[in-house]
């Protein structure tokens, strides 16, 4: 019984650590007036007319990348192991948590 409680505590600590990881986004206004956003940790780039729309597209893109990563974990993890914690962060976070993270919060 104690081993199970210890395992759960370790799991919860790991989830807490994942949630504390920061995602760094850089926005650039393009010549046509649109906004491009790039999330370094997951090599995600999106473009939209506004920052809000760009954020939405970035979150959707990160979710798609995360789902693809999980579907073929052995392939992706062997080539991009540094992304694994960020993939898990996206999978264990709500859209609002990710959006907050894109604004410099955990």
PDB file of N, CA and C in Angstrom:
ATOM      1  N   UNK A   1       0.825  -1.193   0.000  1.00  0.00           N
ATOM      2  CA  UNK A   1       0.000   0.000   0.000  1.00  0.00           C
ATOM      3  C   UNK A   1       0.871   1.260   0.000  1.00  0.00           C
ATOM      4  N   UNK A   2       1.934   1.275   0.791  1.00  0.00           N
ATOM      5  CA  UNK A   2       2.804   2.455   0.836  1.00  0.00           C
ATOM      6  C   UNK A   2       3.485   2.693  -0.499  1.00  0.00           C
ATOM      7  N   UNK A   3       3.870   1.616  -1.183  1.00  0.00           N
ATOM      8  CA  UNK A   3       4.523   1.769  -2.481  1.00  0.00           C
ATOM      9  C   UNK A   3       3.585   2.445  -3.472  1.00  0.00           C
ATOM     10  N   UNK A   4       2.300   2.116  -3.414  1.00  0.00           N
ATOM     11  CA  UNK A   4       1.327   2.737  -4.308  1.00  0.00           C
ATOM     12  C   UNK A   4       1.198   4.228  -4.012  1.00  0.00           C
ATOM     13  N   UNK A   5       1.121   4.577  -2.744  1.00  0.00           N
ATOM     14  CA  UNK A   5       1.026   5.991  -2.364  1.00  0.00           C
ATOM     15  C   UNK A   5       2.277   6.733  -2.795  1.00  0.00           C
ATOM     16  N   UNK A   6       3.442   6.112  -2.631  1.00  0.00           N
ATOM     17  CA  UNK A   6       4.697   6.741  -3.054  1.00  0.00           C
ATOM     18  C   UNK A   6       4.695   6.939  -4.566  1.00  0.00           C
ATOM     19  N   UNK A   7       4.230   5.922  -5.294  1.00  0.00           N
ATOM     20  CA  UNK A   7       4.162   6.026  -6.753  1.00  0.00           C
ATOM     21  C   UNK A   7       3.247   7.149  -7.202  1.00  0.00           C
ATOM     22  N   UNK A   8       2.114   7.272  -6.536  1.00  0.00           N
ATOM     23  CA  UNK A   8       1.167   8.341  -6.874  1.00  0.00           C
ATOM     24  C   UNK A   8       1.785   9.702  -6.582  1.00  0.00           C
ATOM     25  N   UNK A   9       2.487   9.819  -5.470  1.00  0.00           N
ATOM     26  CA  UNK A   9       3.138  11.092  -5.123  1.00  0.00           C
ATOM     27  C   UNK A   9       4.207  11.460  -6.142  1.00  0.00           C
ATOM     28  N   UNK A  10       4.982  10.475  -6.571  1.00  0.00           N
ATOM     29  CA  UNK A  10       6.013  10.731  -7.586  1.00  0.00           C
ATOM     30  C   UNK A  10       5.346  11.178  -8.886  1.00  0.00           C
ATOM     31  N   UNK A  11       4.275  10.499  -9.266  1.00  0.00           N
ATOM     32  CA  UNK A  11       3.539  10.866 -10.475  1.00  0.00           C
ATOM     33  C   UNK A  11       3.009  12.290 -10.388  1.00  0.00           C
ATOM     34  N   UNK A  12       2.414  12.647  -9.249  1.00  0.00           N
ATOM     35  CA  UNK A  12       1.880  13.993  -9.065  1.00  0.00           C
ATOM     36  C   UNK A  12       2.986  15.044  -9.086  1.00  0.00           C
ATOM     37  N   UNK A  13       4.140  14.722  -8.512  1.00  0.00           N
ATOM     38  CA  UNK A  13       5.280  15.644  -8.563  1.00  0.00           C
ATOM     39  C   UNK A  13       5.753  15.828  -9.998  1.00  0.00           C
ATOM     40  N   UNK A  14       5.770  14.751 -10.763  1.00  0.00           N
ATOM     41  CA  UNK A  14       6.184  14.833 -12.165  1.00  0.00           C
ATOM     42  C   UNK A  14       5.214  15.701 -12.959  1.00  0.00           C
ATOM     43  N   UNK A  15       3.915  15.516 -12.740  1.00  0.00           N
ATOM     44  CA  UNK A  15       2.910  16.347 -13.421  1.00  0.00           C
ATOM     45  C   UNK A  15       3.093  17.809 -13.031  1.00  0.00           C
ATOM     46  N   UNK A  16       3.344  18.064 -11.768  1.00  0.00           N
ATOM     47  CA  UNK A  16       3.580  19.431 -11.303  1.00  0.00           C
ATOM     48  C   UNK A  16       4.807  20.023 -11.996  1.00  0.00           C
ATOM     49  N   UNK A  17       5.858  19.231 -12.117  1.00  0.00           N
ATOM     50  CA  UNK A  17       7.074  19.688 -12.807  1.00  0.00           C
ATOM     51  C   UNK A  17       6.763  19.986 -14.275  1.00  0.00           C
ATOM     52  N   UNK A  18       6.000  19.094 -14.928  1.00  0.00           N
ATOM     53  CA  UNK A  18       5.640  19.321 -16.331  1.00  0.00           C
ATOM     54  C   UNK A  18       4.880  20.628 -16.488  1.00  0.00           C
ATOM     55  N   UNK A  19       3.943  20.864 -15.589  1.00  0.00           N
ATOM     56  CA  UNK A  19       3.137  22.089 -15.677  1.00  0.00           C
ATOM     57  C   UNK A  19       3.987  23.336 -15.465  1.00  0.00           C
ATOM     58  N   UNK A  20       5.115  23.190 -14.754  1.00  0.00           N
ATOM     59  CA  UNK A  20       5.970  24.354 -14.505  1.00  0.00           C
ATOM     60  C   UNK A  20       6.898  24.668 -15.675  1.00  0.00           C
ATOM     61  N   UNK A  21       7.010  23.751 -16.635  1.00  0.00           N
ATOM     62  CA  UNK A  21       7.851  24.022 -17.804  1.00  0.00           C
ATOM     63  C   UNK A  21       7.314  25.225 -18.561  1.00  0.00           C
ATOM     64  N   UNK A  22       8.198  26.031 -19.040  1.00  0.00           N
ATOM     65  CA  UNK A  22       7.786  27.212 -19.790  1.00  0.00           C
ATOM     66  C   UNK A  22       7.840  26.941 -21.289  1.00  0.00           C
ATOM     67  N   UNK A  23       6.867  27.475 -21.990  1.00  0.00           N
ATOM     68  CA  UNK A  23       6.881  27.494 -23.447  1.00  0.00           C
ATOM     69  C   UNK A  23       7.194  28.931 -23.847  1.00  0.00           C
ATOM     70  N   UNK A  24       8.136  29.095 -24.736  1.00  0.00           N
ATOM     71  CA  UNK A  24       8.540  30.443 -25.155  1.00  0.00           C
ATOM     72  C   UNK A  24       8.018  30.714 -26.557  1.00  0.00           C
ATOM     73  N   UNK A  25       7.243  31.763 -26.661  1.00  0.00           N
ATOM     74  CA  UNK A  25       6.694  32.145 -27.965  1.00  0.00           C
ATOM     75  C   UNK A  25       7.288  33.485 -28.370  1.00  0.00           C
ATOM     76  N   UNK A  26       7.557  33.586 -29.636  1.00  0.00           N
ATOM     77  CA  UNK A  26       8.063  34.845 -30.200  1.00  0.00           C
ATOM     78  C   UNK A  26       7.109  35.245 -31.321  1.00  0.00           C
ATOM     79  N   UNK A  27       6.614  36.472 -31.232  1.00  0.00           N
ATOM     80  CA  UNK A  27       5.695  36.977 -32.251  1.00  0.00           C
ATOM     81  C   UNK A  27       6.410  37.987 -33.142  1.00  0.00           C
ATOM     82  N   UNK A  28       6.054  37.955 -34.414  1.00  0.00           N
ATOM     83  CA  UNK A  28       6.616  38.891 -35.391  1.00  0.00           C
ATOM     84  C   UNK A  28       5.473  39.402 -36.260  1.00  0.00           C
ATOM     85  N   UNK A  29       5.426  40.720 -36.427  1.00  0.00           N
ATOM     86  CA  UNK A  29       4.437  41.278 -37.361  1.00  0.00           C
ATOM     87  C   UNK A  29       5.054  41.215 -38.759  1.00  0.00           C
ATOM     88  N   UNK A  30       4.351  40.549 -39.642  1.00  0.00           N
ATOM     89  CA  UNK A  30       4.826  40.379 -41.013  1.00  0.00           C
ATOM     90  C   UNK A  30       4.517  41.622 -41.844  1.00  0.00           C
ATOM     91  N   UNK A  31       5.141  41.731 -43.012  1.00  0.00           N
ATOM     92  CA  UNK A  31       4.937  42.879 -43.897  1.00  0.00           C
ATOM     93  C   UNK A  31       3.483  43.057 -44.313  1.00  0.00           C
ATOM     94  N   UNK A  32       2.733  41.960 -44.375  1.00  0.00           N
ATOM     95  CA  UNK A  32       1.331  42.048 -44.772  1.00  0.00           C
ATOM     96  C   UNK A  32       0.403  42.362 -43.592  1.00  0.00           C
ATOM     97  N   UNK A  33       0.980  42.609 -42.403  1.00  0.00           N
ATOM     98  CA  UNK A  33       0.202  42.966 -41.229  1.00  0.00           C
ATOM     99  C   UNK A  33      -0.213  41.790 -40.359  1.00  0.00           C
ATOM    100  N   UNK A  34      -0.004  40.580 -40.850  1.00  0.00           N
ATOM    101  CA  UNK A  34      -0.366  39.411 -40.048  1.00  0.00           C
ATOM    102  C   UNK A  34       0.685  39.185 -38.957  1.00  0.00           C
ATOM    103  N   UNK A  35       0.344  38.295 -38.028  1.00  0.00           N
ATOM    104  CA  UNK A  35       1.237  37.963 -36.923  1.00  0.00           C
ATOM    105  C   UNK A  35       1.690  36.514 -37.067  1.00  0.00           C
ATOM    106  N   UNK A  36       2.992  36.307 -37.012  1.00  0.00           N
ATOM    107  CA  UNK A  36       3.533  34.948 -36.975  1.00  0.00           C
ATOM    108  C   UNK A  36       4.019  34.683 -35.570  1.00  0.00           C
ATOM    109  N   UNK A  37       3.741  33.476 -35.093  1.00  0.00           N
ATOM    110  CA  UNK A  37       4.188  33.066 -33.768  1.00  0.00           C
ATOM    111  C   UNK A  37       4.998  31.790 -33.878  1.00  0.00           C
ATOM    112  N   UNK A  38       6.056  31.712 -33.092  1.00  0.00           N
ATOM    113  CA  UNK A  38       6.937  30.545 -33.103  1.00  0.00           C
ATOM    114  C   UNK A  38       7.170  30.085 -31.669  1.00  0.00           C
ATOM    115  N   UNK A  39       6.865  28.815 -31.378  1.00  0.00           N
ATOM    116  CA  UNK A  39       7.141  28.232 -30.070  1.00  0.00           C
ATOM    117  C   UNK A  39       8.401  27.394 -30.214  1.00  0.00           C
ATOM    118  N   UNK A  40       9.479  27.862 -29.579  1.00  0.00           N
ATOM    119  CA  UNK A  40      10.788  27.230 -29.710  1.00  0.00           C
ATOM    120  C   UNK A  40      10.796  25.754 -29.336  1.00  0.00           C
ATOM    121  N   UNK A  41      10.220  25.429 -28.181  1.00  0.00           N
ATOM    122  CA  UNK A  41      10.351  24.095 -27.620  1.00  0.00           C
ATOM    123  C   UNK A  41       9.731  23.000 -28.490  1.00  0.00           C
ATOM    124  N   UNK A  42       8.727  23.342 -29.283  1.00  0.00           N
ATOM    125  CA  UNK A  42       8.068  22.356 -30.133  1.00  0.00           C
ATOM    126  C   UNK A  42       8.185  22.687 -31.616  1.00  0.00           C
ATOM    127  N   UNK A  43       9.034  23.639 -31.949  1.00  0.00           N
ATOM    128  CA  UNK A  43       9.249  24.027 -33.347  1.00  0.00           C
ATOM    129  C   UNK A  43       7.928  24.237 -34.085  1.00  0.00           C
ATOM    130  N   UNK A  44       7.035  24.970 -33.453  1.00  0.00           N
ATOM    131  CA  UNK A  44       5.708  25.242 -34.015  1.00  0.00           C
ATOM    132  C   UNK A  44       5.669  26.674 -34.519  1.00  0.00           C
ATOM    133  N   UNK A  45       5.229  26.839 -35.748  1.00  0.00           N
ATOM    134  CA  UNK A  45       5.092  28.174 -36.343  1.00  0.00           C
ATOM    135  C   UNK A  45       3.690  28.294 -36.916  1.00  0.00           C
ATOM    136  N   UNK A  46       3.025  29.393 -36.602  1.00  0.00           N
ATOM    137  CA  UNK A  46       1.688  29.663 -37.142  1.00  0.00           C
ATOM    138  C   UNK A  46       1.604  31.131 -37.538  1.00  0.00           C
ATOM    139  N   UNK A  47       0.652  31.432 -38.397  1.00  0.00           N
ATOM    140  CA  UNK A  47       0.428  32.799 -38.853  1.00  0.00           C
ATOM    141  C   UNK A  47      -1.067  33.059 -38.866  1.00  0.00           C
ATOM    142  N   UNK A  48      -1.453  34.271 -38.447  1.00  0.00           N
ATOM    143  CA  UNK A  48      -2.872  34.650 -38.407  1.00  0.00           C
ATOM    144  C   UNK A  48      -2.985  36.172 -38.440  1.00  0.00           C
ATOM    145  N   UNK A  49      -4.183  36.675 -38.667  1.00  0.00           N
ATOM    146  CA  UNK A  49      -4.378  38.132 -38.720  1.00  0.00           C
ATOM    147  C   UNK A  49      -4.136  38.842 -37.388  1.00  0.00           C
ATOM    148  N   UNK A  50      -4.402  38.159 -36.251  1.00  0.00           N
ATOM    149  CA  UNK A  50      -4.233  38.792 -34.942  1.00  0.00           C
ATOM    150  C   UNK A  50      -3.437  37.882 -34.007  1.00  0.00           C
ATOM    151  N   UNK A  51      -2.941  38.460 -32.905  1.00  0.00           N
ATOM    152  CA  UNK A  51      -2.216  37.664 -31.913  1.00  0.00           C
ATOM    153  C   UNK A  51      -3.150  36.604 -31.317  1.00  0.00           C
ATOM    154  N   UNK A  52      -4.375  36.974 -31.008  1.00  0.00           N
ATOM    155  CA  UNK A  52      -5.321  36.018 -30.438  1.00  0.00           C
ATOM    156  C   UNK A  52      -5.554  34.822 -31.347  1.00  0.00           C
ATOM    157  N   UNK A  53      -5.737  35.087 -32.621  1.00  0.00           N
ATOM    158  CA  UNK A  53      -5.934  33.993 -33.576  1.00  0.00           C
ATOM    159  C   UNK A  53      -4.656  33.169 -33.734  1.00  0.00           C
ATOM    160  N   UNK A  54      -3.523  33.837 -33.668  1.00  0.00           N
ATOM    161  CA  UNK A  54      -2.237  33.139 -33.760  1.00  0.00           C
ATOM    162  C   UNK A  54      -2.057  32.211 -32.552  1.00  0.00           C
ATOM    163  N   UNK A  55      -2.403  32.694 -31.358  1.00  0.00           N
ATOM    164  CA  UNK A  55      -2.327  31.861 -30.153  1.00  0.00           C
ATOM    165  C   UNK A  55      -3.200  30.623 -30.295  1.00  0.00           C
ATOM    166  N   UNK A  56      -4.418  30.815 -30.779  1.00  0.00           N
ATOM    167  CA  UNK A  56      -5.334  29.690 -30.961  1.00  0.00           C
ATOM    168  C   UNK A  56      -4.741  28.671 -31.924  1.00  0.00           C
ATOM    169  N   UNK A  57      -4.183  29.149 -33.026  1.00  0.00           N
ATOM    170  CA  UNK A  57      -3.573  28.247 -33.999  1.00  0.00           C
ATOM    171  C   UNK A  57      -2.339  27.553 -33.419  1.00  0.00           C
ATOM    172  N   UNK A  58      -1.554  28.270 -32.608  1.00  0.00           N
ATOM    173  CA  UNK A  58      -0.388  27.655 -31.978  1.00  0.00           C
ATOM    174  C   UNK A  58      -0.805  26.530 -31.035  1.00  0.00           C
ATOM    175  N   UNK A  59      -1.845  26.785 -30.237  1.00  0.00           N
ATOM    176  CA  UNK A  59      -2.328  25.761 -29.303  1.00  0.00           C
ATOM    177  C   UNK A  59      -2.831  24.546 -30.079  1.00  0.00           C
ATOM    178  N   UNK A  60      -3.607  24.784 -31.127  1.00  0.00           N
ATOM    179  CA  UNK A  60      -4.105  23.682 -31.949  1.00  0.00           C
ATOM    180  C   UNK A  60      -2.938  22.919 -32.571  1.00  0.00           C
ATOM    181  N   UNK A  61      -1.961  23.643 -33.076  1.00  0.00           N
ATOM    182  CA  UNK A  61      -0.784  23.013 -33.680  1.00  0.00           C
ATOM    183  C   UNK A  61       0.014  22.189 -32.686  1.00  0.00           C
ATOM    184  N   UNK A  62       0.179  22.720 -31.467  1.00  0.00           N
ATOM    185  CA  UNK A  62       0.911  21.972 -30.446  1.00  0.00           C
ATOM    186  C   UNK A  62       0.149  20.714 -30.041  1.00  0.00           C
ATOM    187  N   UNK A  63      -1.158  20.797 -29.988  1.00  0.00           N
ATOM    188  CA  UNK A  63      -1.968  19.606 -29.671  1.00  0.00           C
ATOM    189  C   UNK A  63      -1.811  18.552 -30.776  1.00  0.00           C
ATOM    190  N   UNK A  64      -1.851  18.986 -32.042  1.00  0.00           N
ATOM    191  CA  UNK A  64      -1.696  18.054 -33.162  1.00  0.00           C
ATOM    192  C   UNK A  64      -0.322  17.395 -33.130  1.00  0.00           C
ATOM    193  N   UNK A  65       0.716  18.191 -32.894  1.00  0.00           N
ATOM    194  CA  UNK A  65       2.074  17.651 -32.803  1.00  0.00           C
ATOM    195  C   UNK A  65       2.146  16.625 -31.670  1.00  0.00           C
ATOM    196  N   UNK A  66       1.559  16.954 -30.531  1.00  0.00           N
ATOM    197  CA  UNK A  66       1.588  16.067 -29.370  1.00  0.00           C
ATOM    198  C   UNK A  66       0.879  14.750 -29.664  1.00  0.00           C
ATOM    199  N   UNK A  67      -0.260  14.822 -30.313  1.00  0.00           N
ATOM    200  CA  UNK A  67      -1.002  13.609 -30.651  1.00  0.00           C
ATOM    201  C   UNK A  67      -0.236  12.749 -31.646  1.00  0.00           C
ATOM    202  N   UNK A  68       0.378  13.382 -32.652  1.00  0.00           N
ATOM    203  CA  UNK A  68       1.194  12.636 -33.616  1.00  0.00           C
ATOM    204  C   UNK A  68       2.392  11.990 -32.934  1.00  0.00           C
ATOM    205  N   UNK A  69       2.999  12.727 -32.019  1.00  0.00           N
ATOM    206  CA  UNK A  69       4.147  12.233 -31.271  1.00  0.00           C
ATOM    207  C   UNK A  69       3.763  10.963 -30.525  1.00  0.00           C
ATOM    208  N   UNK A  70       2.631  10.997 -29.822  1.00  0.00           N
ATOM    209  CA  UNK A  70       2.189   9.850 -29.022  1.00  0.00           C
ATOM    210  C   UNK A  70       1.822   8.663 -29.912  1.00  0.00           C
ATOM    211  N   UNK A  71       1.203   8.932 -31.068  1.00  0.00           N
ATOM    212  CA  UNK A  71       0.809   7.856 -31.969  1.00  0.00           C
ATOM    213  C   UNK A  71       2.004   7.051 -32.465  1.00  0.00           C
ATOM    214  N   UNK A  72       3.136   7.702 -32.645  1.00  0.00           N
ATOM    215  CA  UNK A  72       4.343   7.001 -33.101  1.00  0.00           C
ATOM    216  C   UNK A  72       5.511   7.399 -32.202  1.00  0.00           C
ATOM    217  N   UNK A  73       5.352   7.133 -30.920  1.00  0.00           N
ATOM    218  CA  UNK A  73       6.290   7.591 -29.898  1.00  0.00           C
ATOM    219  C   UNK A  73       7.722   7.149 -30.168  1.00  0.00           C
ATOM    220  N   UNK A  74       7.938   5.896 -30.520  1.00  0.00           N
ATOM    221  CA  UNK A  74       9.303   5.396 -30.734  1.00  0.00           C
ATOM    222  C   UNK A  74      10.025   6.184 -31.827  1.00  0.00           C
ATOM    223  N   UNK A  75       9.317   6.483 -32.898  1.00  0.00           N
ATOM    224  CA  UNK A  75       9.917   7.236 -34.003  1.00  0.00           C
ATOM    225  C   UNK A  75      10.277   8.663 -33.577  1.00  0.00           C
ATOM    226  N   UNK A  76       9.295   9.379 -33.022  1.00  0.00           N
ATOM    227  CA  UNK A  76       9.516  10.782 -32.673  1.00  0.00           C
ATOM    228  C   UNK A  76      10.466  10.956 -31.499  1.00  0.00           C
ATOM    229  N   UNK A  77      10.323  10.117 -30.477  1.00  0.00           N
ATOM    230  CA  UNK A  77      11.161  10.260 -29.275  1.00  0.00           C
ATOM    231  C   UNK A  77      12.616   9.979 -29.572  1.00  0.00           C
ATOM    232  N   UNK A  78      12.885   9.093 -30.528  1.00  0.00           N
ATOM    233  CA  UNK A  78      14.286   8.799 -30.844  1.00  0.00           C
ATOM    234  C   UNK A  78      14.943   9.961 -31.578  1.00  0.00           C
ATOM    235  N   UNK A  79      14.169  10.717 -32.336  1.00  0.00           N
ATOM    236  CA  UNK A  79      14.732  11.829 -33.094  1.00  0.00           C
ATOM    237  C   UNK A  79      14.676  13.165 -32.380  1.00  0.00           C
ATOM    238  N   UNK A  80      13.752  13.295 -31.428  1.00  0.00           N
ATOM    239  CA  UNK A  80      13.563  14.583 -30.750  1.00  0.00           C
ATOM    240  C   UNK A  80      13.263  14.370 -29.265  1.00  0.00           C
ATOM    241  N   UNK A  81      14.168  13.693 -28.551  1.00  0.00           N
ATOM    242  CA  UNK A  81      13.889  13.374 -27.141  1.00  0.00           C
ATOM    243  C   UNK A  81      13.719  14.607 -26.255  1.00  0.00           C
ATOM    244  N   UNK A  82      14.333  15.723 -26.620  1.00  0.00           N
ATOM    245  CA  UNK A  82      14.219  16.944 -25.816  1.00  0.00           C
ATOM    246  C   UNK A  82      12.795  17.507 -25.809  1.00  0.00           C
ATOM    247  N   UNK A  83      11.964  17.073 -26.768  1.00  0.00           N
ATOM    248  CA  UNK A  83      10.589  17.565 -26.839  1.00  0.00           C
ATOM    249  C   UNK A  83       9.627  16.774 -25.967  1.00  0.00           C
ATOM    250  N   UNK A  84      10.029  15.595 -25.490  1.00  0.00           N
ATOM    251  CA  UNK A  84       9.117  14.719 -24.739  1.00  0.00           C
ATOM    252  C   UNK A  84       8.459  15.437 -23.560  1.00  0.00           C
ATOM    253  N   UNK A  85       9.195  16.139 -22.692  1.00  0.00           N
ATOM    254  CA  UNK A  85       8.511  16.812 -21.573  1.00  0.00           C
ATOM    255  C   UNK A  85       7.493  17.852 -22.045  1.00  0.00           C
ATOM    256  N   UNK A  86       7.790  18.552 -23.120  1.00  0.00           N
ATOM    257  CA  UNK A  86       6.874  19.579 -23.622  1.00  0.00           C
ATOM    258  C   UNK A  86       5.629  18.948 -24.252  1.00  0.00           C
ATOM    259  N   UNK A  87       5.814  17.806 -24.900  1.00  0.00           N
ATOM    260  CA  UNK A  87       4.675  17.062 -25.445  1.00  0.00           C
ATOM    261  C   UNK A  87       3.750  16.663 -24.298  1.00  0.00           C
ATOM    262  N   UNK A  88       4.337  16.124 -23.239  1.00  0.00           N
ATOM    263  CA  UNK A  88       3.538  15.722 -22.079  1.00  0.00           C
ATOM    264  C   UNK A  88       2.876  16.926 -21.422  1.00  0.00           C
ATOM    265  N   UNK A  89       3.589  18.055 -21.380  1.00  0.00           N
ATOM    266  CA  UNK A  89       2.994  19.277 -20.817  1.00  0.00           C
ATOM    267  C   UNK A  89       1.737  19.648 -21.587  1.00  0.00           C
ATOM    268  N   UNK A  90       1.818  19.640 -22.894  1.00  0.00           N
ATOM    269  CA  UNK A  90       0.665  19.995 -23.728  1.00  0.00           C
ATOM    270  C   UNK A  90      -0.478  19.008 -23.492  1.00  0.00           C
ATOM    271  N   UNK A  91      -0.155  17.730 -23.420  1.00  0.00           N
ATOM    272  CA  UNK A  91      -1.196  16.718 -23.240  1.00  0.00           C
ATOM    273  C   UNK A  91      -1.881  16.823 -21.887  1.00  0.00           C
ATOM    274  N   UNK A  92      -1.149  17.250 -20.849  1.00  0.00           N
ATOM    275  CA  UNK A  92      -1.704  17.335 -19.501  1.00  0.00           C
ATOM    276  C   UNK A  92      -2.204  18.735 -19.139  1.00  0.00           C
ATOM    277  N   UNK A  93      -2.250  19.642 -20.106  1.00  0.00           N
ATOM    278  CA  UNK A  93      -2.676  21.019 -19.833  1.00  0.00           C
ATOM    279  C   UNK A  93      -3.934  21.354 -20.619  1.00  0.00           C
ATOM    280  N   UNK A  94      -4.713  22.248 -20.053  1.00  0.00           N
ATOM    281  CA  UNK A  94      -5.881  22.762 -20.769  1.00  0.00           C
ATOM    282  C   UNK A  94      -5.408  23.840 -21.748  1.00  0.00           C
ATOM    283  N   UNK A  95      -6.271  24.210 -22.670  1.00  0.00           N
ATOM    284  CA  UNK A  95      -5.938  25.290 -23.601  1.00  0.00           C
ATOM    285  C   UNK A  95      -5.633  26.581 -22.848  1.00  0.00           C
ATOM    286  N   UNK A  96      -6.405  26.858 -21.805  1.00  0.00           N
ATOM    287  CA  UNK A  96      -6.178  28.082 -21.017  1.00  0.00           C
ATOM    288  C   UNK A  96      -4.811  28.054 -20.326  1.00  0.00           C
ATOM    289  N   UNK A  97      -4.411  26.895 -19.816  1.00  0.00           N
ATOM    290  CA  UNK A  97      -3.085  26.784 -19.185  1.00  0.00           C
ATOM    291  C   UNK A  97      -1.982  27.005 -20.207  1.00  0.00           C
ATOM    292  N   UNK A  98      -2.148  26.462 -21.404  1.00  0.00           N
ATOM    293  CA  UNK A  98      -1.135  26.660 -22.447  1.00  0.00           C
ATOM    294  C   UNK A  98      -1.099  28.126 -22.866  1.00  0.00           C
ATOM    295  N   UNK A  99      -2.274  28.721 -23.035  1.00  0.00           N
ATOM    296  CA  UNK A  99      -2.335  30.143 -23.416  1.00  0.00           C
ATOM    297  C   UNK A  99      -1.640  31.000 -22.360  1.00  0.00           C
ATOM    298  N   UNK A 100      -1.895  30.714 -21.109  1.00  0.00           N
ATOM    299  CA  UNK A 100      -1.241  31.435 -20.013  1.00  0.00           C
ATOM    300  C   UNK A 100       0.275  31.255 -20.091  1.00  0.00           C
ATOM    301  N   UNK A 101       0.691  30.050 -20.400  1.00  0.00           N
ATOM    302  CA  UNK A 101       2.114  29.754 -20.519  1.00  0.00           C
ATOM    303  C   UNK A 101       2.742  30.549 -21.666  1.00  0.00           C
ATOM    304  N   UNK A 102       1.992  30.724 -22.753  1.00  0.00           N
ATOM    305  CA  UNK A 102       2.496  31.498 -23.872  1.00  0.00           C
ATOM    306  C   UNK A 102       2.674  32.975 -23.505  1.00  0.00           C
ATOM    307  N   UNK A 103       2.040  33.383 -22.406  1.00  0.00           N
ATOM    308  CA  UNK A 103       2.192  34.748 -21.917  1.00  0.00           C
ATOM    309  C   UNK A 103       3.216  34.830 -20.789  1.00  0.00           C
ATOM    310  N   UNK A 104       4.077  33.813 -20.689  1.00  0.00           N
ATOM    311  CA  UNK A 104       5.163  33.857 -19.714  1.00  0.00           C
ATOM    312  C   UNK A 104       4.859  33.276 -18.354  1.00  0.00           C
ATOM    313  N   UNK A 105       3.676  32.703 -18.180  1.00  0.00           N
ATOM    314  CA  UNK A 105       3.335  32.077 -16.911  1.00  0.00           C
ATOM    315  C   UNK A 105       3.424  30.568 -17.082  1.00  0.00           C
ATOM    316  N   UNK A 106       3.441  29.832 -15.989  1.00  0.00           N
ATOM    317  CA  UNK A 106       3.518  28.364 -16.075  1.00  0.00           C
ATOM    318  C   UNK A 106       2.135  27.798 -16.271  1.00  0.00           C
TER     319      UNK A 106
END
